[in-house]
PDB file of N, CA and C in Angstrom:
ATOM      1  N   MET A   1     108.935 107.640 128.853  1.00  0.00           N
ATOM      2  CA  MET A   1     109.012 108.392 127.975  1.00  0.00           C
ATOM      3  C   MET A   1     107.410 109.019 127.963  1.00  0.00           C
ATOM      4  N   ASN A   2     107.468 110.487 127.811  1.00  0.00           N
ATOM      5  CA  ASN A   2     106.133 111.072 127.689  1.00  0.00           C
ATOM      6  C   ASN A   2     105.930 111.674 126.113  1.00  0.00           C
ATOM      7  N   TRP A   3     104.866 112.261 125.818  1.00  0.00           N
ATOM      8  CA  TRP A   3     104.451 112.599 124.420  1.00  0.00           C
ATOM      9  C   TRP A   3     105.235 113.525 123.875  1.00  0.00           C
ATOM     10  N   ALA A   4     105.567 114.414 124.473  1.00  0.00           N
ATOM     11  CA  ALA A   4     106.661 115.357 124.191  1.00  0.00           C
ATOM     12  C   ALA A   4     108.233 114.964 123.498  1.00  0.00           C
ATOM     13  N   GLU A   5     108.482 113.869 124.251  1.00  0.00           N
ATOM     14  CA  GLU A   5     109.639 113.241 123.751  1.00  0.00           C
ATOM     15  C   GLU A   5     109.414 112.526 122.801  1.00  0.00           C
ATOM     16  N   PHE A   6     108.450 111.780 122.701  1.00  0.00           N
ATOM     17  CA  PHE A   6     107.974 110.973 121.307  1.00  0.00           C
ATOM     18  C   PHE A   6     107.844 111.977 120.094  1.00  0.00           C
ATOM     19  N   PHE A   7     107.051 112.775 120.160  1.00  0.00           N
ATOM     20  CA  PHE A   7     107.130 113.792 118.910  1.00  0.00           C
ATOM     21  C   PHE A   7     108.337 114.526 118.579  1.00  0.00           C
ATOM     22  N   THR A   8     109.155 114.768 119.354  1.00  0.00           N
ATOM     23  CA  THR A   8     110.506 115.569 119.247  1.00  0.00           C
ATOM     24  C   THR A   8     111.882 114.279 119.006  1.00  0.00           C
ATOM     25  N   MET A   9     111.367 113.020 119.217  1.00  0.00           N
ATOM     26  CA  MET A   9     112.394 112.172 118.700  1.00  0.00           C
ATOM     27  C   MET A   9     113.890 112.485 118.733  1.00  0.00           C
ATOM     28  N   GLY A  10     114.136 112.968 120.011  1.00  0.00           N
ATOM     29  CA  GLY A  10     115.564 113.174 120.118  1.00  0.00           C
ATOM     30  C   GLY A  10     116.272 114.191 119.317  1.00  0.00           C
ATOM     31  N   GLY A  11     115.225 115.533 119.005  1.00  0.00           N
ATOM     32  CA  GLY A  11     115.701 116.197 118.255  1.00  0.00           C
ATOM     33  C   GLY A  11     115.748 116.408 116.708  1.00  0.00           C
ATOM     34  N   TYR A  12     115.506 114.849 116.344  1.00  0.00           N
ATOM     35  CA  TYR A  12     115.195 114.749 115.024  1.00  0.00           C
ATOM     36  C   TYR A  12     113.783 114.783 114.299  1.00  0.00           C
ATOM     37  N   GLY A  13     112.784 115.144 115.151  1.00  0.00           N
ATOM     38  CA  GLY A  13     111.327 115.397 114.873  1.00  0.00           C
ATOM     39  C   GLY A  13     110.948 115.983 113.710  1.00  0.00           C
ATOM     40  N   LYS A  14     111.570 117.180 113.684  1.00  0.00           N
ATOM     41  CA  LYS A  14     111.048 117.803 112.443  1.00  0.00           C
ATOM     42  C   LYS A  14     111.472 116.903 111.063  1.00  0.00           C
ATOM     43  N   PHE A  15     112.731 116.352 111.043  1.00  0.00           N
ATOM     44  CA  PHE A  15     112.777 115.803 110.100  1.00  0.00           C
ATOM     45  C   PHE A  15     112.265 114.479 109.901  1.00  0.00           C
ATOM     46  N   ILE A  16     112.042 113.841 110.729  1.00  0.00           N
ATOM     47  CA  ILE A  16     111.294 112.670 110.783  1.00  0.00           C
ATOM     48  C   ILE A  16     109.755 112.879 110.042  1.00  0.00           C
ATOM     49  N   TRP A  17     109.334 113.758 111.020  1.00  0.00           N
ATOM     50  CA  TRP A  17     107.660 114.049 110.798  1.00  0.00           C
ATOM     51  C   TRP A  17     107.470 114.679 109.706  1.00  0.00           C
ATOM     52  N   SER A  18     108.376 115.494 109.052  1.00  0.00           N
ATOM     53  CA  SER A  18     108.554 116.101 107.495  1.00  0.00           C
ATOM     54  C   SER A  18     108.643 114.800 106.632  1.00  0.00           C
ATOM     55  N   ALA A  19     109.253 113.793 106.829  1.00  0.00           N
ATOM     56  CA  ALA A  19     109.314 113.143 106.039  1.00  0.00           C
ATOM     57  C   ALA A  19     108.009 111.933 105.863  1.00  0.00           C
ATOM     58  N   TYR A  20     107.202 111.783 106.989  1.00  0.00           N
ATOM     59  CA  TYR A  20     106.244 110.963 107.058  1.00  0.00           C
ATOM     60  C   TYR A  20     104.839 111.837 106.153  1.00  0.00           C
ATOM     61  N   GLY A  21     105.139 113.203 106.552  1.00  0.00           N
ATOM     62  CA  GLY A  21     104.303 114.122 105.771  1.00  0.00           C
ATOM     63  C   GLY A  21     104.494 113.928 104.173  1.00  0.00           C
ATOM     64  N   ALA A  22     105.530 114.056 103.826  1.00  0.00           N
ATOM     65  CA  ALA A  22     105.852 113.958 102.656  1.00  0.00           C
ATOM     66  C   ALA A  22     105.158 112.831 101.781  1.00  0.00           C
ATOM     67  N   ALA A  23     105.632 111.763 102.707  1.00  0.00           N
ATOM     68  CA  ALA A  23     105.576 110.428 101.944  1.00  0.00           C
ATOM     69  C   ALA A  23     103.819 110.145 102.216  1.00  0.00           C
ATOM     70  N   ALA A  24     103.021 110.347 102.935  1.00  0.00           N
ATOM     71  CA  ALA A  24     101.709 110.865 103.076  1.00  0.00           C
ATOM     72  C   ALA A  24     101.174 111.559 101.886  1.00  0.00           C
ATOM     73  N   PHE A  25     101.650 112.457 101.805  1.00  0.00           N
ATOM     74  CA  PHE A  25     101.146 113.598 100.359  1.00  0.00           C
ATOM     75  C   PHE A  25     101.571 112.944  99.279  1.00  0.00           C
ATOM     76  N   ILE A  26     102.457 112.168  98.815  1.00  0.00           N
ATOM     77  CA  ILE A  26     102.864 111.421  98.002  1.00  0.00           C
ATOM     78  C   ILE A  26     101.654 110.214  97.556  1.00  0.00           C
ATOM     79  N   ILE A  27     101.489 109.554  98.547  1.00  0.00           N
ATOM     80  CA  ILE A  27     100.447 108.480  98.421  1.00  0.00           C
ATOM     81  C   ILE A  27      99.323 108.904  98.432  1.00  0.00           C
ATOM     82  N   ILE A  28      98.544 110.142  98.737  1.00  0.00           N
ATOM     83  CA  ILE A  28      97.480 110.581  98.444  1.00  0.00           C
ATOM     84  C   ILE A  28      97.253 111.036  97.026  1.00  0.00           C
ATOM     85  N   LEU A  29      98.368 111.707  96.429  1.00  0.00           N
ATOM     86  CA  LEU A  29      98.585 112.248  95.342  1.00  0.00           C
ATOM     87  C   LEU A  29      98.197 110.874  94.328  1.00  0.00           C
ATOM     88  N   ASN A  30      98.903 109.746  94.641  1.00  0.00           N
ATOM     89  CA  ASN A  30      99.040 108.639  93.942  1.00  0.00           C
ATOM     90  C   ASN A  30      97.523 107.895  93.801  1.00  0.00           C
ATOM     91  N   VAL A  31      96.844 108.032  94.886  1.00  0.00           N
ATOM     92  CA  VAL A  31      95.289 107.915  94.701  1.00  0.00           C
ATOM     93  C   VAL A  31      94.423 108.944  93.713  1.00  0.00           C
ATOM     94  N   VAL A  32      94.536 110.101  94.653  1.00  0.00           N
ATOM     95  CA  VAL A  32      93.415 111.284  93.702  1.00  0.00           C
ATOM     96  C   VAL A  32      93.515 111.266  92.547  1.00  0.00           C
ATOM     97  N   LEU A  33      95.050 111.775  91.859  1.00  0.00           N
ATOM     98  CA  LEU A  33      95.270 112.067  90.772  1.00  0.00           C
ATOM     99  C   LEU A  33      94.772 111.028  89.330  1.00  0.00           C
ATOM    100  N   PRO A  34      94.999 109.911  89.777  1.00  0.00           N
ATOM    101  CA  PRO A  34      94.574 108.549  88.589  1.00  0.00           C
ATOM    102  C   PRO A  34      93.240 108.692  88.695  1.00  0.00           C
ATOM    103  N   MET A  35      92.318 109.064  89.721  1.00  0.00           N
ATOM    104  CA  MET A  35      90.588 108.992  89.820  1.00  0.00           C
ATOM    105  C   MET A  35      90.184 110.397  89.098  1.00  0.00           C
ATOM    106  N   ARG A  36      90.965 111.461  89.410  1.00  0.00           N
ATOM    107  CA  ARG A  36      90.556 112.705  88.585  1.00  0.00           C
ATOM    108  C   ARG A  36      90.680 112.386  87.111  1.00  0.00           C
ATOM    109  N   ARG A  37      91.785 111.796  86.729  1.00  0.00           N
ATOM    110  CA  ARG A  37      92.046 111.486  85.184  1.00  0.00           C
ATOM    111  C   ARG A  37      90.996 110.451  84.678  1.00  0.00           C
ATOM    112  N   HIS A  38      90.700 109.368  85.412  1.00  0.00           N
ATOM    113  CA  HIS A  38      89.528 108.536  85.018  1.00  0.00           C
ATOM    114  C   HIS A  38      88.494 109.098  84.986  1.00  0.00           C
ATOM    115  N   LYS A  39      87.711 110.090  85.711  1.00  0.00           N
ATOM    116  CA  LYS A  39      86.806 110.871  85.521  1.00  0.00           C
ATOM    117  C   LYS A  39      86.812 111.665  84.061  1.00  0.00           C
ATOM    118  N   LYS A  40      88.026 112.412  83.992  1.00  0.00           N
ATOM    119  CA  LYS A  40      88.390 112.998  82.773  1.00  0.00           C
ATOM    120  C   LYS A  40      88.226 112.166  81.214  1.00  0.00           C
ATOM    121  N   VAL A  41      88.745 111.300  81.361  1.00  0.00           N
ATOM    122  CA  VAL A  41      88.619 110.375  80.098  1.00  0.00           C
ATOM    123  C   VAL A  41      86.942 110.018  79.968  1.00  0.00           C
ATOM    124  N   LEU A  42      86.448 109.589  81.080  1.00  0.00           N
ATOM    125  CA  LEU A  42      85.026 109.006  80.990  1.00  0.00           C
ATOM    126  C   LEU A  42      84.214 110.063  80.357  1.00  0.00           C
ATOM    127  N   HIS A  43      84.464 111.521  80.938  1.00  0.00           N
ATOM    128  CA  HIS A  43      83.901 112.605  80.451  1.00  0.00           C
ATOM    129  C   HIS A  43      83.904 112.781  78.991  1.00  0.00           C
ATOM    130  N   MET A  44      85.297 112.697  78.537  1.00  0.00           N
ATOM    131  CA  MET A  44      85.764 112.963  77.205  1.00  0.00           C
ATOM    132  C   MET A  44      85.008 111.866  76.250  1.00  0.00           C
ATOM    133  N   LEU A  45      84.959 110.925  76.723  1.00  0.00           N
ATOM    134  CA  LEU A  45      84.612 109.396  75.904  1.00  0.00           C
ATOM    135  C   LEU A  45      83.096 110.018  75.780  1.00  0.00           C
ATOM    136  N   ARG A  46      82.296 109.994  76.952  1.00  0.00           N
ATOM    137  CA  ARG A  46      80.914 110.622  76.582  1.00  0.00           C
ATOM    138  C   ARG A  46      80.307 111.510  75.561  1.00  0.00           C
ATOM    139  N   GLU A  47      81.521 112.410  75.814  1.00  0.00           N
ATOM    140  CA  GLU A  47      81.215 113.764  74.915  1.00  0.00           C
ATOM    141  C   GLU A  47      81.268 113.166  73.181  1.00  0.00           C
ATOM    142  N   LEU A  48      82.552 112.276  72.976  1.00  0.00           N
ATOM    143  CA  LEU A  48      82.805 111.769  71.992  1.00  0.00           C
ATOM    144  C   LEU A  48      81.797 110.804  71.041  1.00  0.00           C
ATOM    145  N   LEU A  49      81.184 109.929  72.315  1.00  0.00           N
ATOM    146  CA  LEU A  49      80.174 109.047  71.744  1.00  0.00           C
ATOM    147  C   LEU A  49      78.743 110.253  71.465  1.00  0.00           C
ATOM    148  N   LYS A  50      78.534 111.111  72.068  1.00  0.00           N
ATOM    149  CA  LYS A  50      77.315 112.179  72.002  1.00  0.00           C
ATOM    150  C   LYS A  50      77.818 112.646  70.129  1.00  0.00           C
ATOM    151  N   MET A  51      79.022 113.276  70.219  1.00  0.00           N
ATOM    152  CA  MET A  51      79.121 113.645  68.604  1.00  0.00           C
ATOM    153  C   MET A  51      79.062 112.390  67.553  1.00  0.00           C
ATOM    154  N   LYS A  52      79.419 111.429  67.947  1.00  0.00           N
ATOM    155  CA  LYS A  52      79.044 110.463  67.095  1.00  0.00           C
ATOM    156  C   LYS A  52      77.745 109.907  66.817  1.00  0.00           C
ATOM    157  N   GLU A  53      77.019 110.060  67.827  1.00  0.00           N
ATOM    158  CA  GLU A  53      75.371 109.811  67.502  1.00  0.00           C
ATOM    159  C   GLU A  53      74.699 110.791  66.704  1.00  0.00           C
ATOM    160  N   ARG A  54      75.248 111.911  67.088  1.00  0.00           N
ATOM    161  CA  ARG A  54      74.713 113.085  66.154  1.00  0.00           C
ATOM    162  C   ARG A  54      74.721 113.198  64.612  1.00  0.00           C
ATOM    163  N   GLU A  55      75.952 112.193  64.094  1.00  0.00           N
ATOM    164  CA  GLU A  55      76.232 112.166  62.640  1.00  0.00           C
ATOM    165  C   GLU A  55      75.253 111.248  62.122  1.00  0.00           C
TER     166      GLU A  55
END
């Protein structure tokens, strides 16, 4: 078996590799989006704290 045969996977390579790509994309989103939301919430809380300190 050579690399070309491995990547074509008997003619089903485009379906298999696109499924792997979609799964990787979703996993990355499941890591990145909560991190971004966490930063946004922290920023909002800091701003709220600043507003409360001014009062």
